[in-house]
Every structure is written in C-alpha cells, then in structure tokens.
PDB file of N, CA and C in Angstrom:
ATOM      1  N   MET A   1       0.847  -1.176   0.000  1.00  0.00           N
ATOM      2  CA  MET A   1       0.000   0.000   0.000  1.00  0.00           C
ATOM      3  C   MET A   1       0.892   1.238   0.000  1.00  0.00           C
ATOM      4  N   TYR A   2       0.583   2.167  -0.843  1.00  0.00           N
ATOM      5  CA  TYR A   2       1.368   3.387  -0.952  1.00  0.00           C
ATOM      6  C   TYR A   2       0.533   4.596  -0.569  1.00  0.00           C
ATOM      7  N   ILE A   3       1.213   5.600  -0.087  1.00  0.00           N
ATOM      8  CA  ILE A   3       0.582   6.878   0.205  1.00  0.00           C
ATOM      9  C   ILE A   3       0.931   7.794  -0.956  1.00  0.00           C
ATOM     10  N   ARG A   4      -0.054   8.346  -1.588  1.00  0.00           N
ATOM     11  CA  ARG A   4       0.171   9.200  -2.745  1.00  0.00           C
ATOM     12  C   ARG A   4       1.151  10.320  -2.393  1.00  0.00           C
ATOM     13  N   GLY A   5       2.179  10.462  -3.206  1.00  0.00           N
ATOM     14  CA  GLY A   5       3.174  11.504  -3.006  1.00  0.00           C
ATOM     15  C   GLY A   5       4.328  11.102  -2.097  1.00  0.00           C
ATOM     16  N   ALA A   6       4.198   9.975  -1.417  1.00  0.00           N
ATOM     17  CA  ALA A   6       5.271   9.513  -0.534  1.00  0.00           C
ATOM     18  C   ALA A   6       6.225   8.652  -1.350  1.00  0.00           C
ATOM     19  N   GLY A   7       7.500   8.972  -1.306  1.00  0.00           N
ATOM     20  CA  GLY A   7       8.479   8.248  -2.092  1.00  0.00           C
ATOM     21  C   GLY A   7       9.220   7.194  -1.296  1.00  0.00           C
ATOM     22  N   ALA A   8      10.291   6.704  -1.900  1.00  0.00           N
ATOM     23  CA  ALA A   8      11.089   5.637  -1.295  1.00  0.00           C
ATOM     24  C   ALA A   8      11.718   6.075   0.022  1.00  0.00           C
ATOM     25  N   LEU A   9      12.137   7.325   0.108  1.00  0.00           N
ATOM     26  CA  LEU A   9      12.744   7.819   1.347  1.00  0.00           C
ATOM     27  C   LEU A   9      11.743   7.789   2.497  1.00  0.00           C
ATOM     28  N   TYR A  10      10.512   8.172   2.240  1.00  0.00           N
ATOM     29  CA  TYR A  10       9.462   8.128   3.263  1.00  0.00           C
ATOM     30  C   TYR A  10       9.241   6.693   3.731  1.00  0.00           C
ATOM     31  N   ALA A  11       9.179   5.769   2.797  1.00  0.00           N
ATOM     32  CA  ALA A  11       8.961   4.362   3.143  1.00  0.00           C
ATOM     33  C   ALA A  11      10.133   3.828   3.974  1.00  0.00           C
ATOM     34  N   TYR A  12      11.355   4.157   3.570  1.00  0.00           N
ATOM     35  CA  TYR A  12      12.536   3.699   4.308  1.00  0.00           C
ATOM     36  C   TYR A  12      12.540   4.267   5.725  1.00  0.00           C
ATOM     37  N   ASP A  13      12.358   5.570   5.845  1.00  0.00           N
ATOM     38  CA  ASP A  13      12.387   6.205   7.167  1.00  0.00           C
ATOM     39  C   ASP A  13      11.310   5.645   8.088  1.00  0.00           C
ATOM     40  N   THR A  14      10.138   5.398   7.549  1.00  0.00           N
ATOM     41  CA  THR A  14       9.049   4.830   8.348  1.00  0.00           C
ATOM     42  C   THR A  14       9.394   3.412   8.792  1.00  0.00           C
ATOM     43  N   ALA A  15       9.888   2.598   7.875  1.00  0.00           N
ATOM     44  CA  ALA A  15      10.262   1.219   8.212  1.00  0.00           C
ATOM     45  C   ALA A  15      11.390   1.193   9.239  1.00  0.00           C
ATOM     46  N   LEU A  16      12.353   2.094   9.103  1.00  0.00           N
ATOM     47  CA  LEU A  16      13.469   2.162  10.049  1.00  0.00           C
ATOM     48  C   LEU A  16      12.964   2.484  11.450  1.00  0.00           C
ATOM     49  N   ARG A  17      12.047   3.431  11.564  1.00  0.00           N
ATOM     50  CA  ARG A  17      11.531   3.827  12.875  1.00  0.00           C
ATOM     51  C   ARG A  17      10.623   2.767  13.490  1.00  0.00           C
ATOM     52  N   VAL A  18       9.784   2.142  12.685  1.00  0.00           N
ATOM     53  CA  VAL A  18       8.931   1.066  13.194  1.00  0.00           C
ATOM     54  C   VAL A  18       9.814  -0.104  13.642  1.00  0.00           C
ATOM     55  N   GLY A  19      10.817  -0.438  12.828  1.00  0.00           N
ATOM     56  CA  GLY A  19      11.735  -1.512  13.190  1.00  0.00           C
ATOM     57  C   GLY A  19      12.466  -1.228  14.489  1.00  0.00           C
ATOM     58  N   ALA A  20      12.938  -0.005  14.654  1.00  0.00           N
ATOM     59  CA  ALA A  20      13.637   0.373  15.893  1.00  0.00           C
ATOM     60  C   ALA A  20      12.713   0.236  17.093  1.00  0.00           C
ATOM     61  N   TYR A  21      11.466   0.594  16.909  1.00  0.00           N
ATOM     62  CA  TYR A  21      10.490   0.509  17.998  1.00  0.00           C
ATOM     63  C   TYR A  21      10.296  -0.932  18.465  1.00  0.00           C
ATOM     64  N   ILE A  22      10.335  -1.881  17.528  1.00  0.00           N
ATOM     65  CA  ILE A  22      10.127  -3.290  17.892  1.00  0.00           C
ATOM     66  C   ILE A  22      11.446  -4.066  18.008  1.00  0.00           C
ATOM     67  N   GLY A  23      12.563  -3.334  17.968  1.00  0.00           N
ATOM     68  CA  GLY A  23      13.859  -3.959  18.206  1.00  0.00           C
ATOM     69  C   GLY A  23      14.532  -4.566  16.997  1.00  0.00           C
ATOM     70  N   LEU A  24      14.181  -4.142  15.792  1.00  0.00           N
ATOM     71  CA  LEU A  24      14.806  -4.654  14.581  1.00  0.00           C
ATOM     72  C   LEU A  24      15.627  -3.557  13.913  1.00  0.00           C
ATOM     73  N   THR A  25      16.796  -3.920  13.430  1.00  0.00           N
ATOM     74  CA  THR A  25      17.631  -2.975  12.697  1.00  0.00           C
ATOM     75  C   THR A  25      17.999  -3.589  11.353  1.00  0.00           C
ATOM     76  N   PRO A  26      18.336  -2.771  10.377  1.00  0.00           N
ATOM     77  CA  PRO A  26      18.699  -3.302   9.058  1.00  0.00           C
ATOM     78  C   PRO A  26      19.986  -4.129   9.114  1.00  0.00           C
ATOM     79  N   HIS A  27      20.066  -5.129   8.245  1.00  0.00           N
ATOM     80  CA  HIS A  27      21.268  -5.957   8.130  1.00  0.00           C
ATOM     81  C   HIS A  27      22.074  -5.568   6.897  1.00  0.00           C
ATOM     82  N   GLU A  28      21.484  -4.781   6.017  1.00  0.00           N
ATOM     83  CA  GLU A  28      22.146  -4.313   4.809  1.00  0.00           C
ATOM     84  C   GLU A  28      21.899  -2.826   4.651  1.00  0.00           C
ATOM     85  N   VAL A  29      22.680  -2.207   3.784  1.00  0.00           N
ATOM     86  CA  VAL A  29      22.510  -0.793   3.478  1.00  0.00           C
ATOM     87  C   VAL A  29      21.465  -0.702   2.367  1.00  0.00           C
ATOM     88  N   TYR A  30      20.333  -0.095   2.661  1.00  0.00           N
ATOM     89  CA  TYR A  30      19.281   0.052   1.667  1.00  0.00           C
ATOM     90  C   TYR A  30      19.535   1.297   0.837  1.00  0.00           C
ATOM     91  N   LEU A  31      19.457   1.142  -0.465  1.00  0.00           N
ATOM     92  CA  LEU A  31      19.791   2.219  -1.392  1.00  0.00           C
ATOM     93  C   LEU A  31      18.536   2.757  -2.048  1.00  0.00           C
ATOM     94  N   HIS A  32      18.328   4.037  -1.868  1.00  0.00           N
ATOM     95  CA  HIS A  32      17.168   4.730  -2.432  1.00  0.00           C
ATOM     96  C   HIS A  32      17.518   6.197  -2.506  1.00  0.00           C
ATOM     97  N   ALA A  33      16.908   6.926  -3.341  1.00  0.00           N
ATOM     98  CA  ALA A  33      17.071   8.385  -3.440  1.00  0.00           C
ATOM     99  C   ALA A  33      18.539   8.790  -3.353  1.00  0.00           C
ATOM    100  N   GLY A  34      18.901   9.635  -2.386  1.00  0.00           N
ATOM    101  CA  GLY A  34      20.255  10.144  -2.258  1.00  0.00           C
ATOM    102  C   GLY A  34      21.285   9.085  -1.932  1.00  0.00           C
ATOM    103  N   SER A  35      20.925   8.086  -1.138  1.00  0.00           N
ATOM    104  CA  SER A  35      21.891   7.037  -0.795  1.00  0.00           C
ATOM    105  C   SER A  35      22.255   6.206  -2.019  1.00  0.00           C
ATOM    106  N   LEU A  36      21.321   6.025  -2.933  1.00  0.00           N
ATOM    107  CA  LEU A  36      21.601   5.310  -4.176  1.00  0.00           C
ATOM    108  C   LEU A  36      22.597   6.097  -5.021  1.00  0.00           C
ATOM    109  N   GLU A  37      22.404   7.401  -5.088  1.00  0.00           N
ATOM    110  CA  GLU A  37      23.320   8.258  -5.843  1.00  0.00           C
ATOM    111  C   GLU A  37      24.734   8.179  -5.261  1.00  0.00           C
ATOM    112  N   GLY A  38      24.850   8.242  -3.951  1.00  0.00           N
ATOM    113  CA  GLY A  38      26.154   8.135  -3.303  1.00  0.00           C
ATOM    114  C   GLY A  38      26.796   6.777  -3.527  1.00  0.00           C
ATOM    115  N   ALA A  39      26.023   5.716  -3.419  1.00  0.00           N
ATOM    116  CA  ALA A  39      26.546   4.362  -3.612  1.00  0.00           C
ATOM    117  C   ALA A  39      27.011   4.153  -5.048  1.00  0.00           C
ATOM    118  N   GLN A  40      26.303   4.717  -6.003  1.00  0.00           N
ATOM    119  CA  GLN A  40      26.703   4.571  -7.403  1.00  0.00           C
ATOM    120  C   GLN A  40      28.067   5.203  -7.647  1.00  0.00           C
ATOM    121  N   LYS A  41      28.367   6.281  -6.967  1.00  0.00           N
ATOM    122  CA  LYS A  41      29.675   6.921  -7.108  1.00  0.00           C
ATOM    123  C   LYS A  41      30.766   6.129  -6.401  1.00  0.00           C
ATOM    124  N   LEU A  42      30.434   5.571  -5.259  1.00  0.00           N
ATOM    125  CA  LEU A  42      31.417   4.864  -4.450  1.00  0.00           C
ATOM    126  C   LEU A  42      31.632   3.421  -4.908  1.00  0.00           C
ATOM    127  N   LEU A  43      30.600   2.794  -5.447  1.00  0.00           N
ATOM    128  CA  LEU A  43      30.663   1.377  -5.811  1.00  0.00           C
ATOM    129  C   LEU A  43      30.593   1.140  -7.312  1.00  0.00           C
ATOM    130  N   SER A  44      31.030   2.050  -8.085  1.00  0.00           N
ATOM    131  CA  SER A  44      31.045   1.885  -9.544  1.00  0.00           C
ATOM    132  C   SER A  44      29.657   1.579 -10.111  1.00  0.00           C
ATOM    133  N   ASN A  45      28.739   2.480  -9.901  1.00  0.00           N
ATOM    134  CA  ASN A  45      27.401   2.405 -10.480  1.00  0.00           C
ATOM    135  C   ASN A  45      26.569   1.213 -10.029  1.00  0.00           C
ATOM    136  N   SER A  46      26.557   0.928  -8.753  1.00  0.00           N
ATOM    137  CA  SER A  46      25.703  -0.128  -8.207  1.00  0.00           C
ATOM    138  C   SER A  46      24.236   0.215  -8.432  1.00  0.00           C
ATOM    139  N   ARG A  47      23.457  -0.758  -8.842  1.00  0.00           N
ATOM    140  CA  ARG A  47      22.027  -0.553  -9.055  1.00  0.00           C
ATOM    141  C   ARG A  47      21.179  -1.434  -8.133  1.00  0.00           C
ATOM    142  N   ALA A  48      21.817  -2.074  -7.172  1.00  0.00           N
ATOM    143  CA  ALA A  48      21.099  -2.948  -6.242  1.00  0.00           C
ATOM    144  C   ALA A  48      20.213  -2.123  -5.320  1.00  0.00           C
ATOM    145  N   ARG A  49      19.182  -2.752  -4.777  1.00  0.00           N
ATOM    146  CA  ARG A  49      18.299  -2.072  -3.818  1.00  0.00           C
ATOM    147  C   ARG A  49      18.891  -2.072  -2.417  1.00  0.00           C
ATOM    148  N   SER A  50      19.728  -3.064  -2.136  1.00  0.00           N
ATOM    149  CA  SER A  50      20.422  -3.114  -0.850  1.00  0.00           C
ATOM    150  C   SER A  50      21.728  -3.872  -1.047  1.00  0.00           C
ATOM    151  N   VAL A  51      22.713  -3.531  -0.227  1.00  0.00           N
ATOM    152  CA  VAL A  51      24.020  -4.185  -0.305  1.00  0.00           C
ATOM    153  C   VAL A  51      24.560  -4.373   1.114  1.00  0.00           C
ATOM    154  N   PRO A  52      25.340  -5.421   1.331  1.00  0.00           N
ATOM    155  CA  PRO A  52      25.941  -5.597   2.658  1.00  0.00           C
ATOM    156  C   PRO A  52      27.028  -4.543   2.893  1.00  0.00           C
ATOM    157  N   ILE A  53      27.262  -4.224   4.129  1.00  0.00           N
ATOM    158  CA  ILE A  53      28.269  -3.225   4.472  1.00  0.00           C
ATOM    159  C   ILE A  53      29.648  -3.665   3.993  1.00  0.00           C
ATOM    160  N   SER A  54      29.869  -4.965   3.852  1.00  0.00           N
ATOM    161  CA  SER A  54      31.178  -5.507   3.468  1.00  0.00           C
ATOM    162  C   SER A  54      31.605  -5.115   2.053  1.00  0.00           C
ATOM    163  N   VAL A  55      30.694  -4.688   1.193  1.00  0.00           N
ATOM    164  CA  VAL A  55      31.072  -4.300  -0.173  1.00  0.00           C
ATOM    165  C   VAL A  55      31.678  -2.900  -0.225  1.00  0.00           C
ATOM    166  N   PHE A  56      31.549  -2.144   0.837  1.00  0.00           N
ATOM    167  CA  PHE A  56      32.114  -0.803   0.889  1.00  0.00           C
ATOM    168  C   PHE A  56      33.580  -0.872   1.319  1.00  0.00           C
ATOM    169  N   PRO A  57      34.361   0.163   1.054  1.00  0.00           N
ATOM    170  CA  PRO A  57      35.751   0.163   1.507  1.00  0.00           C
ATOM    171  C   PRO A  57      35.850  -0.101   3.014  1.00  0.00           C
ATOM    172  N   THR A  58      36.941  -0.724   3.416  1.00  0.00           N
ATOM    173  CA  THR A  58      37.138  -1.173   4.793  1.00  0.00           C
ATOM    174  C   THR A  58      36.914  -0.079   5.831  1.00  0.00           C
ATOM    175  N   VAL A  59      37.262   1.132   5.510  1.00  0.00           N
ATOM    176  CA  VAL A  59      37.127   2.233   6.465  1.00  0.00           C
ATOM    177  C   VAL A  59      35.674   2.418   6.925  1.00  0.00           C
ATOM    178  N   PHE A  60      34.715   1.974   6.141  1.00  0.00           N
ATOM    179  CA  PHE A  60      33.299   2.132   6.476  1.00  0.00           C
ATOM    180  C   PHE A  60      32.717   0.940   7.238  1.00  0.00           C
ATOM    181  N   HIS A  61      33.453  -0.128   7.415  1.00  0.00           N
ATOM    182  CA  HIS A  61      32.909  -1.351   8.008  1.00  0.00           C
ATOM    183  C   HIS A  61      32.492  -1.195   9.469  1.00  0.00           C
ATOM    184  N   ALA A  62      32.979  -0.175  10.152  1.00  0.00           N
ATOM    185  CA  ALA A  62      32.598   0.042  11.552  1.00  0.00           C
ATOM    186  C   ALA A  62      31.207   0.666  11.681  1.00  0.00           C
ATOM    187  N   LEU A  63      30.666   1.172  10.575  1.00  0.00           N
ATOM    188  CA  LEU A  63      29.346   1.811  10.609  1.00  0.00           C
ATOM    189  C   LEU A  63      28.226   0.780  10.574  1.00  0.00           C
ATOM    190  N   ALA A  64      27.127   1.109  11.200  1.00  0.00           N
ATOM    191  CA  ALA A  64      25.911   0.296  11.081  1.00  0.00           C
ATOM    192  C   ALA A  64      25.291   0.589   9.713  1.00  0.00           C
ATOM    193  N   PRO A  65      24.528  -0.335   9.157  1.00  0.00           N
ATOM    194  CA  PRO A  65      23.922  -0.100   7.841  1.00  0.00           C
ATOM    195  C   PRO A  65      23.121   1.198   7.747  1.00  0.00           C
ATOM    196  N   GLU A  66      22.366   1.533   8.798  1.00  0.00           N
ATOM    197  CA  GLU A  66      21.579   2.763   8.731  1.00  0.00           C
ATOM    198  C   GLU A  66      22.476   4.006   8.784  1.00  0.00           C
ATOM    199  N   GLU A  67      23.634   3.895   9.433  1.00  0.00           N
ATOM    200  CA  GLU A  67      24.590   5.002   9.447  1.00  0.00           C
ATOM    201  C   GLU A  67      25.241   5.170   8.073  1.00  0.00           C
ATOM    202  N   MET A  68      25.535   4.048   7.418  1.00  0.00           N
ATOM    203  CA  MET A  68      26.125   4.099   6.078  1.00  0.00           C
ATOM    204  C   MET A  68      25.140   4.697   5.086  1.00  0.00           C
ATOM    205  N   GLU A  69      23.874   4.347   5.221  1.00  0.00           N
ATOM    206  CA  GLU A  69      22.833   4.911   4.343  1.00  0.00           C
ATOM    207  C   GLU A  69      22.790   6.424   4.510  1.00  0.00           C
ATOM    208  N   ASN A  70      22.869   6.881   5.735  1.00  0.00           N
ATOM    209  CA  ASN A  70      22.848   8.308   6.023  1.00  0.00           C
ATOM    210  C   ASN A  70      24.087   8.997   5.443  1.00  0.00           C
ATOM    211  N   LEU A  71      25.263   8.402   5.623  1.00  0.00           N
ATOM    212  CA  LEU A  71      26.498   8.953   5.087  1.00  0.00           C
ATOM    213  C   LEU A  71      26.427   9.076   3.568  1.00  0.00           C
ATOM    214  N   LEU A  72      25.956   8.020   2.893  1.00  0.00           N
ATOM    215  CA  LEU A  72      25.857   8.038   1.431  1.00  0.00           C
ATOM    216  C   LEU A  72      24.947   9.156   0.953  1.00  0.00           C
ATOM    217  N   CYS A  73      23.875   9.371   1.672  1.00  0.00           N
ATOM    218  CA  CYS A  73      22.924  10.410   1.297  1.00  0.00           C
ATOM    219  C   CYS A  73      23.505  11.799   1.540  1.00  0.00           C
ATOM    220  N   LEU A  74      24.061  12.009   2.705  1.00  0.00           N
ATOM    221  CA  LEU A  74      24.584  13.334   3.067  1.00  0.00           C
ATOM    222  C   LEU A  74      25.776  13.754   2.222  1.00  0.00           C
ATOM    223  N   TYR A  75      26.648  12.800   1.867  1.00  0.00           N
ATOM    224  CA  TYR A  75      27.890  13.145   1.172  1.00  0.00           C
ATOM    225  C   TYR A  75      27.898  12.730  -0.298  1.00  0.00           C
ATOM    226  N   ARG A  76      26.756  12.486  -0.875  1.00  0.00           N
ATOM    227  CA  ARG A  76      26.676  12.027  -2.263  1.00  0.00           C
ATOM    228  C   ARG A  76      27.344  12.983  -3.245  1.00  0.00           C
ATOM    229  N   ARG A  77      27.325  14.256  -2.951  1.00  0.00           N
ATOM    230  CA  ARG A  77      27.933  15.242  -3.854  1.00  0.00           C
ATOM    231  C   ARG A  77      29.457  15.210  -3.799  1.00  0.00           C
ATOM    232  N   TYR A  78      30.022  14.676  -2.725  1.00  0.00           N
ATOM    233  CA  TYR A  78      31.464  14.716  -2.515  1.00  0.00           C
ATOM    234  C   TYR A  78      32.152  13.381  -2.773  1.00  0.00           C
ATOM    235  N   LEU A  79      31.394  12.342  -3.020  1.00  0.00           N
ATOM    236  CA  LEU A  79      31.999  11.017  -3.240  1.00  0.00           C
ATOM    237  C   LEU A  79      32.520  10.876  -4.656  1.00  0.00           C
TER     238      LEU A  79
END
C-alpha cells in the first residue's frame, strides 16, 4: 500500500523507525534516493536495492547499515 506523493525515502524512514520501535535494525545498506546516488559513485554504479556493508571500503565497516545509508545520502555530492 502506498501513500500518494510519498516516495522511497518516506517508506525507508518509516520502516526504520517502526523496526527500531520493535527492536529490529537493518542488516544491509538500503539504497534509495540520495543514498543510491552516493553508492553509485562509491561502488562503480551499483544498481542494487540493498548491499551488505562488506562491499564498501574497509574504512566504512565500523558503521551500522543505517549510518552508512545516512552517510551516502549526506555526502553524495562529494563522493
């Protein structure tokens, strides 16, 4: 079910918050909107919907998947 006008970022943010409320966290980095743009620059044009943290350079392996998603989105212009 979709909410008219709500995009992938809205769906991701909602799922992340509901999951946190019930004690679930992502196991992979979900790529959508800005995070997809950042991942494409960092991972040679990845088109996957989600990727494990292990595919990113080693320096990023200490981040949680939701932190990596945030980093990719925030720094997409600089990657």
